[in-house]
Amino acid sequence: MIESLSAVTLATHDMAAAVAFYRKLGFLLKYGGEKADFTSFHAGPGHLNLIKVGPEQEIDWWGRAIFYVTDVDDCHAQAVKAGLAPDFAPQDAPWGERYFHIRDPDGHEISFARPL
C-alpha cells in the first residue's frame, strides 16, 4: 500500500538558477544550495530534490510535479512578483482543482493546485 510521496527529484544543469527559482516560489531549503550537487527543499511532509547533471545529459520533458498549496492565486501572484513567468493564470479545472503551471529553468513543469 502506498502511503505518501517522499520526494520528487529533478535534474538541473544550473543548480544556482534552479535553487533561486524554487526559493522565489517559497520553497524552504533543507539541504544543499546554490553550489551543491544535490539540494533538497521542504514540500509539506515530502521533499523536492534537485540533482546537478553535466551539460552532456539532455533534460527532456518527463511529466509534472503537482504541489498542493493553501492559496493558488497567492502563489501565482508571488511567482509573478518575483519576476517568474507562469504558463497561465490560475483556473478552475473540471476535475475539481484550481491550478496553474510554471516551468523551472531546466524546463520541468511544476503545477500548484488546491482542491475546490
N, C-alpha and C. Protein backbone atom coordinates (compact mmCIF):
# COMPACT_ATOMS: atom_id res chain seq x y z
N MET A 1 0.84 -1.18 0.00
CA MET A 1 0.00 0.00 0.00
C MET A 1 0.89 1.25 0.00
N ILE A 2 0.67 2.13 -0.92
CA ILE A 2 1.40 3.39 -0.99
C ILE A 2 0.81 4.35 0.03
N GLU A 3 1.65 4.90 0.90
CA GLU A 3 1.17 5.81 1.94
C GLU A 3 1.36 7.29 1.60
N SER A 4 2.47 7.62 0.94
CA SER A 4 2.71 9.02 0.62
C SER A 4 3.86 9.13 -0.38
N LEU A 5 4.04 10.31 -0.88
CA LEU A 5 5.16 10.60 -1.76
C LEU A 5 6.27 11.19 -0.91
N SER A 6 7.44 10.59 -0.91
CA SER A 6 8.56 11.09 -0.12
C SER A 6 9.21 12.29 -0.79
N ALA A 7 9.47 12.16 -2.09
CA ALA A 7 10.17 13.24 -2.78
C ALA A 7 10.04 13.09 -4.29
N VAL A 8 10.23 14.20 -4.97
CA VAL A 8 10.41 14.24 -6.41
C VAL A 8 11.80 14.80 -6.63
N THR A 9 12.61 14.16 -7.47
CA THR A 9 13.96 14.64 -7.75
C THR A 9 14.04 15.05 -9.21
N LEU A 10 14.46 16.29 -9.44
CA LEU A 10 14.58 16.86 -10.78
C LEU A 10 16.04 17.11 -11.11
N ALA A 11 16.42 16.86 -12.35
CA ALA A 11 17.78 17.14 -12.81
C ALA A 11 17.90 18.60 -13.20
N THR A 12 19.10 19.15 -12.99
CA THR A 12 19.38 20.53 -13.39
C THR A 12 20.79 20.65 -13.92
N HIS A 13 20.98 21.52 -14.90
CA HIS A 13 22.31 21.86 -15.38
C HIS A 13 22.90 23.01 -14.58
N ASP A 14 22.06 23.83 -13.97
CA ASP A 14 22.50 25.03 -13.27
C ASP A 14 21.85 25.08 -11.89
N MET A 15 22.55 24.54 -10.89
CA MET A 15 21.99 24.46 -9.54
C MET A 15 21.65 25.84 -8.99
N ALA A 16 22.50 26.82 -9.20
CA ALA A 16 22.24 28.17 -8.67
C ALA A 16 20.93 28.74 -9.21
N ALA A 17 20.70 28.61 -10.52
CA ALA A 17 19.47 29.12 -11.12
C ALA A 17 18.26 28.35 -10.62
N ALA A 18 18.37 27.04 -10.50
CA ALA A 18 17.25 26.22 -10.03
C ALA A 18 16.91 26.55 -8.58
N VAL A 19 17.93 26.67 -7.72
CA VAL A 19 17.70 26.99 -6.31
C VAL A 19 17.03 28.36 -6.20
N ALA A 20 17.51 29.35 -6.95
CA ALA A 20 16.91 30.69 -6.91
C ALA A 20 15.45 30.64 -7.34
N PHE A 21 15.14 29.88 -8.38
CA PHE A 21 13.77 29.74 -8.88
C PHE A 21 12.85 29.19 -7.80
N TYR A 22 13.23 28.08 -7.18
CA TYR A 22 12.36 27.47 -6.18
C TYR A 22 12.25 28.30 -4.91
N ARG A 23 13.30 29.02 -4.55
CA ARG A 23 13.19 29.93 -3.40
C ARG A 23 12.20 31.05 -3.69
N LYS A 24 12.19 31.57 -4.91
CA LYS A 24 11.23 32.61 -5.29
C LYS A 24 9.79 32.12 -5.19
N LEU A 25 9.60 30.82 -5.38
CA LEU A 25 8.26 30.24 -5.28
C LEU A 25 7.88 29.92 -3.83
N GLY A 26 8.81 30.13 -2.89
CA GLY A 26 8.50 29.93 -1.48
C GLY A 26 8.97 28.61 -0.89
N PHE A 27 9.68 27.79 -1.64
CA PHE A 27 10.21 26.55 -1.09
C PHE A 27 11.32 26.86 -0.09
N LEU A 28 11.33 26.15 1.04
CA LEU A 28 12.34 26.36 2.08
C LEU A 28 13.43 25.30 1.95
N LEU A 29 14.68 25.76 1.96
CA LEU A 29 15.83 24.89 1.79
C LEU A 29 16.01 23.98 3.00
N LYS A 30 16.21 22.70 2.74
CA LYS A 30 16.51 21.73 3.80
C LYS A 30 17.99 21.37 3.79
N TYR A 31 18.56 21.19 2.58
CA TYR A 31 19.93 20.71 2.45
C TYR A 31 20.49 21.19 1.13
N GLY A 32 21.78 21.45 1.09
CA GLY A 32 22.45 21.84 -0.15
C GLY A 32 22.38 23.32 -0.40
N GLY A 33 22.19 23.71 -1.65
CA GLY A 33 22.13 25.11 -2.01
C GLY A 33 22.73 25.35 -3.38
N GLU A 34 23.02 26.62 -3.65
CA GLU A 34 23.46 27.05 -4.98
C GLU A 34 24.71 26.34 -5.49
N LYS A 35 25.62 25.96 -4.62
CA LYS A 35 26.89 25.36 -5.04
C LYS A 35 26.94 23.85 -4.85
N ALA A 36 25.84 23.26 -4.41
CA ALA A 36 25.80 21.83 -4.12
C ALA A 36 25.51 21.02 -5.38
N ASP A 37 25.85 19.74 -5.33
CA ASP A 37 25.48 18.82 -6.41
C ASP A 37 24.10 18.21 -6.16
N PHE A 38 23.62 18.30 -4.91
CA PHE A 38 22.30 17.78 -4.54
C PHE A 38 21.68 18.75 -3.54
N THR A 39 20.43 19.12 -3.78
CA THR A 39 19.71 20.06 -2.93
C THR A 39 18.33 19.49 -2.63
N SER A 40 17.86 19.74 -1.42
CA SER A 40 16.54 19.27 -1.02
C SER A 40 15.77 20.42 -0.39
N PHE A 41 14.51 20.58 -0.82
CA PHE A 41 13.60 21.58 -0.26
C PHE A 41 12.47 20.87 0.47
N HIS A 42 11.93 21.51 1.50
CA HIS A 42 10.72 21.02 2.15
C HIS A 42 9.55 21.24 1.20
N ALA A 43 8.65 20.26 1.12
CA ALA A 43 7.42 20.37 0.33
C ALA A 43 6.32 19.69 1.14
N GLY A 44 5.81 20.40 2.14
CA GLY A 44 4.87 19.78 3.07
C GLY A 44 5.58 18.65 3.78
N PRO A 45 4.97 17.48 3.87
CA PRO A 45 5.63 16.35 4.54
C PRO A 45 6.67 15.67 3.64
N GLY A 46 6.73 16.05 2.38
CA GLY A 46 7.67 15.47 1.43
C GLY A 46 8.78 16.44 1.08
N HIS A 47 9.46 16.15 -0.02
CA HIS A 47 10.60 16.96 -0.43
C HIS A 47 10.66 17.11 -1.94
N LEU A 48 11.21 18.23 -2.37
CA LEU A 48 11.56 18.46 -3.76
C LEU A 48 13.08 18.47 -3.81
N ASN A 49 13.66 17.55 -4.56
CA ASN A 49 15.11 17.45 -4.66
C ASN A 49 15.58 17.90 -6.03
N LEU A 50 16.79 18.46 -6.06
CA LEU A 50 17.45 18.83 -7.31
C LEU A 50 18.79 18.11 -7.35
N ILE A 51 19.12 17.55 -8.51
CA ILE A 51 20.42 16.90 -8.67
C ILE A 51 21.10 17.49 -9.89
N LYS A 52 22.35 17.88 -9.72
CA LYS A 52 23.10 18.51 -10.81
C LYS A 52 23.63 17.44 -11.76
N VAL A 53 23.41 17.66 -13.06
CA VAL A 53 23.91 16.76 -14.08
C VAL A 53 24.78 17.56 -15.05
N GLY A 54 25.64 16.86 -15.77
CA GLY A 54 26.54 17.51 -16.71
C GLY A 54 25.82 18.02 -17.94
N PRO A 55 26.45 18.96 -18.64
CA PRO A 55 25.83 19.56 -19.83
C PRO A 55 25.59 18.55 -20.95
N GLU A 56 26.29 17.42 -20.93
CA GLU A 56 26.09 16.41 -21.97
C GLU A 56 24.80 15.62 -21.77
N GLN A 57 24.22 15.68 -20.56
CA GLN A 57 22.98 14.95 -20.29
C GLN A 57 21.79 15.82 -20.65
N GLU A 58 21.00 15.36 -21.61
CA GLU A 58 19.82 16.10 -22.04
C GLU A 58 18.73 16.00 -20.98
N ILE A 59 18.12 17.12 -20.68
CA ILE A 59 16.97 17.12 -19.78
C ILE A 59 15.74 17.31 -20.66
N ASP A 60 14.89 16.29 -20.67
CA ASP A 60 13.72 16.29 -21.54
C ASP A 60 12.46 16.28 -20.68
N TRP A 61 11.34 16.65 -21.27
CA TRP A 61 10.09 16.66 -20.52
C TRP A 61 9.80 15.26 -20.02
N TRP A 62 9.47 15.14 -18.76
CA TRP A 62 9.27 13.86 -18.10
C TRP A 62 7.88 13.72 -17.51
N GLY A 63 7.19 14.80 -17.34
CA GLY A 63 5.88 14.77 -16.70
C GLY A 63 5.67 16.06 -15.92
N ARG A 64 5.02 15.95 -14.76
CA ARG A 64 4.69 17.15 -14.00
C ARG A 64 4.67 16.80 -12.52
N ALA A 65 5.26 17.65 -11.69
CA ALA A 65 5.14 17.53 -10.23
C ALA A 65 4.03 18.49 -9.81
N ILE A 66 3.11 18.00 -8.99
CA ILE A 66 1.96 18.80 -8.55
C ILE A 66 2.05 19.00 -7.05
N PHE A 67 2.05 20.26 -6.64
CA PHE A 67 2.12 20.61 -5.23
C PHE A 67 0.82 21.28 -4.82
N TYR A 68 0.19 20.78 -3.77
CA TYR A 68 -0.97 21.45 -3.21
C TYR A 68 -0.49 22.61 -2.35
N VAL A 69 -1.12 23.77 -2.51
CA VAL A 69 -0.79 24.97 -1.75
C VAL A 69 -2.06 25.49 -1.09
N THR A 70 -1.88 26.35 -0.10
CA THR A 70 -3.01 26.92 0.63
C THR A 70 -3.84 27.83 -0.26
N ASP A 71 -3.17 28.64 -1.08
CA ASP A 71 -3.87 29.63 -1.91
C ASP A 71 -3.20 29.70 -3.27
N VAL A 72 -3.82 29.14 -4.28
CA VAL A 72 -3.26 29.08 -5.63
C VAL A 72 -3.04 30.49 -6.19
N ASP A 73 -4.01 31.37 -6.00
CA ASP A 73 -3.89 32.73 -6.55
C ASP A 73 -2.74 33.49 -5.89
N ASP A 74 -2.56 33.31 -4.59
CA ASP A 74 -1.46 33.96 -3.88
C ASP A 74 -0.11 33.42 -4.36
N CYS A 75 -0.03 32.12 -4.57
CA CYS A 75 1.20 31.50 -5.07
C CYS A 75 1.54 32.04 -6.45
N HIS A 76 0.53 32.16 -7.31
CA HIS A 76 0.73 32.71 -8.65
C HIS A 76 1.21 34.16 -8.56
N ALA A 77 0.56 34.96 -7.71
CA ALA A 77 0.96 36.37 -7.54
C ALA A 77 2.39 36.47 -7.04
N GLN A 78 2.78 35.60 -6.12
CA GLN A 78 4.15 35.59 -5.60
C GLN A 78 5.15 35.30 -6.71
N ALA A 79 4.82 34.34 -7.58
CA ALA A 79 5.71 33.99 -8.69
C ALA A 79 5.86 35.17 -9.65
N VAL A 80 4.76 35.80 -10.00
CA VAL A 80 4.80 36.94 -10.93
C VAL A 80 5.58 38.10 -10.29
N LYS A 81 5.33 38.38 -9.02
CA LYS A 81 6.03 39.46 -8.32
C LYS A 81 7.54 39.22 -8.28
N ALA A 82 7.93 37.93 -8.22
CA ALA A 82 9.35 37.57 -8.18
C ALA A 82 9.99 37.58 -9.57
N GLY A 83 9.21 37.93 -10.60
CA GLY A 83 9.74 38.00 -11.96
C GLY A 83 9.69 36.70 -12.72
N LEU A 84 8.94 35.72 -12.22
CA LEU A 84 8.80 34.44 -12.92
C LEU A 84 7.62 34.51 -13.88
N ALA A 85 7.55 33.56 -14.79
CA ALA A 85 6.52 33.60 -15.83
C ALA A 85 5.69 32.31 -15.85
N PRO A 86 4.63 32.23 -15.06
CA PRO A 86 3.75 31.06 -15.13
C PRO A 86 3.19 30.87 -16.54
N ASP A 87 2.84 29.62 -16.87
CA ASP A 87 2.31 29.31 -18.20
C ASP A 87 0.94 29.95 -18.43
N PHE A 88 0.15 30.11 -17.35
CA PHE A 88 -1.18 30.72 -17.45
C PHE A 88 -1.64 31.12 -16.05
N ALA A 89 -2.65 31.96 -16.01
CA ALA A 89 -3.22 32.40 -14.74
C ALA A 89 -3.98 31.25 -14.08
N PRO A 90 -4.16 31.28 -12.77
CA PRO A 90 -4.91 30.22 -12.10
C PRO A 90 -6.29 30.04 -12.72
N GLN A 91 -6.70 28.77 -12.81
CA GLN A 91 -8.01 28.47 -13.36
C GLN A 91 -8.61 27.26 -12.65
N ASP A 92 -9.94 27.17 -12.71
CA ASP A 92 -10.65 26.04 -12.13
C ASP A 92 -10.76 24.94 -13.18
N ALA A 93 -10.37 23.74 -12.77
CA ALA A 93 -10.40 22.59 -13.69
C ALA A 93 -11.68 21.78 -13.49
N PRO A 94 -12.14 21.13 -14.56
CA PRO A 94 -13.35 20.31 -14.45
C PRO A 94 -13.19 19.14 -13.49
N TRP A 95 -11.94 18.74 -13.17
CA TRP A 95 -11.71 17.62 -12.23
C TRP A 95 -11.70 18.08 -10.78
N GLY A 96 -12.00 19.40 -10.54
CA GLY A 96 -12.20 19.86 -9.17
C GLY A 96 -11.00 20.46 -8.48
N GLU A 97 -10.09 21.05 -9.23
CA GLU A 97 -8.94 21.73 -8.64
C GLU A 97 -8.78 23.11 -9.26
N ARG A 98 -8.24 24.04 -8.50
CA ARG A 98 -7.77 25.32 -9.03
C ARG A 98 -6.27 25.16 -9.16
N TYR A 99 -5.70 25.60 -10.30
CA TYR A 99 -4.29 25.30 -10.53
C TYR A 99 -3.67 26.26 -11.54
N PHE A 100 -2.32 26.23 -11.59
CA PHE A 100 -1.56 26.84 -12.68
C PHE A 100 -0.25 26.07 -12.81
N HIS A 101 0.37 26.20 -13.97
CA HIS A 101 1.66 25.56 -14.24
C HIS A 101 2.74 26.61 -14.44
N ILE A 102 3.96 26.21 -14.15
CA ILE A 102 5.14 27.05 -14.40
C ILE A 102 6.30 26.11 -14.70
N ARG A 103 7.23 26.55 -15.51
CA ARG A 103 8.41 25.73 -15.84
C ARG A 103 9.63 26.30 -15.13
N ASP A 104 10.44 25.38 -14.60
CA ASP A 104 11.67 25.81 -13.93
C ASP A 104 12.74 26.08 -14.98
N PRO A 105 13.93 26.55 -14.59
CA PRO A 105 14.96 26.89 -15.57
C PRO A 105 15.39 25.74 -16.48
N ASP A 106 15.15 24.48 -16.06
CA ASP A 106 15.51 23.34 -16.89
C ASP A 106 14.33 22.79 -17.69
N GLY A 107 13.17 23.46 -17.63
CA GLY A 107 12.01 23.05 -18.40
C GLY A 107 11.08 22.09 -17.70
N HIS A 108 11.35 21.75 -16.43
CA HIS A 108 10.45 20.86 -15.68
C HIS A 108 9.14 21.59 -15.41
N GLU A 109 8.03 20.92 -15.67
CA GLU A 109 6.73 21.53 -15.44
C GLU A 109 6.29 21.28 -14.00
N ILE A 110 6.00 22.36 -13.30
CA ILE A 110 5.56 22.32 -11.91
C ILE A 110 4.15 22.89 -11.87
N SER A 111 3.26 22.21 -11.14
CA SER A 111 1.89 22.67 -11.01
C SER A 111 1.60 22.96 -9.55
N PHE A 112 0.90 24.05 -9.30
CA PHE A 112 0.44 24.39 -7.96
C PHE A 112 -1.07 24.33 -7.99
N ALA A 113 -1.66 23.60 -7.04
CA ALA A 113 -3.09 23.33 -7.09
C ALA A 113 -3.70 23.30 -5.70
N ARG A 114 -5.02 23.33 -5.69
CA ARG A 114 -5.81 23.23 -4.47
C ARG A 114 -7.17 22.66 -4.86
N PRO A 115 -7.65 21.64 -4.12
CA PRO A 115 -8.99 21.13 -4.41
C PRO A 115 -10.02 22.23 -4.22
N LEU A 116 -11.04 22.25 -5.10
CA LEU A 116 -12.12 23.25 -5.00
C LEU A 116 -13.09 22.84 -3.91
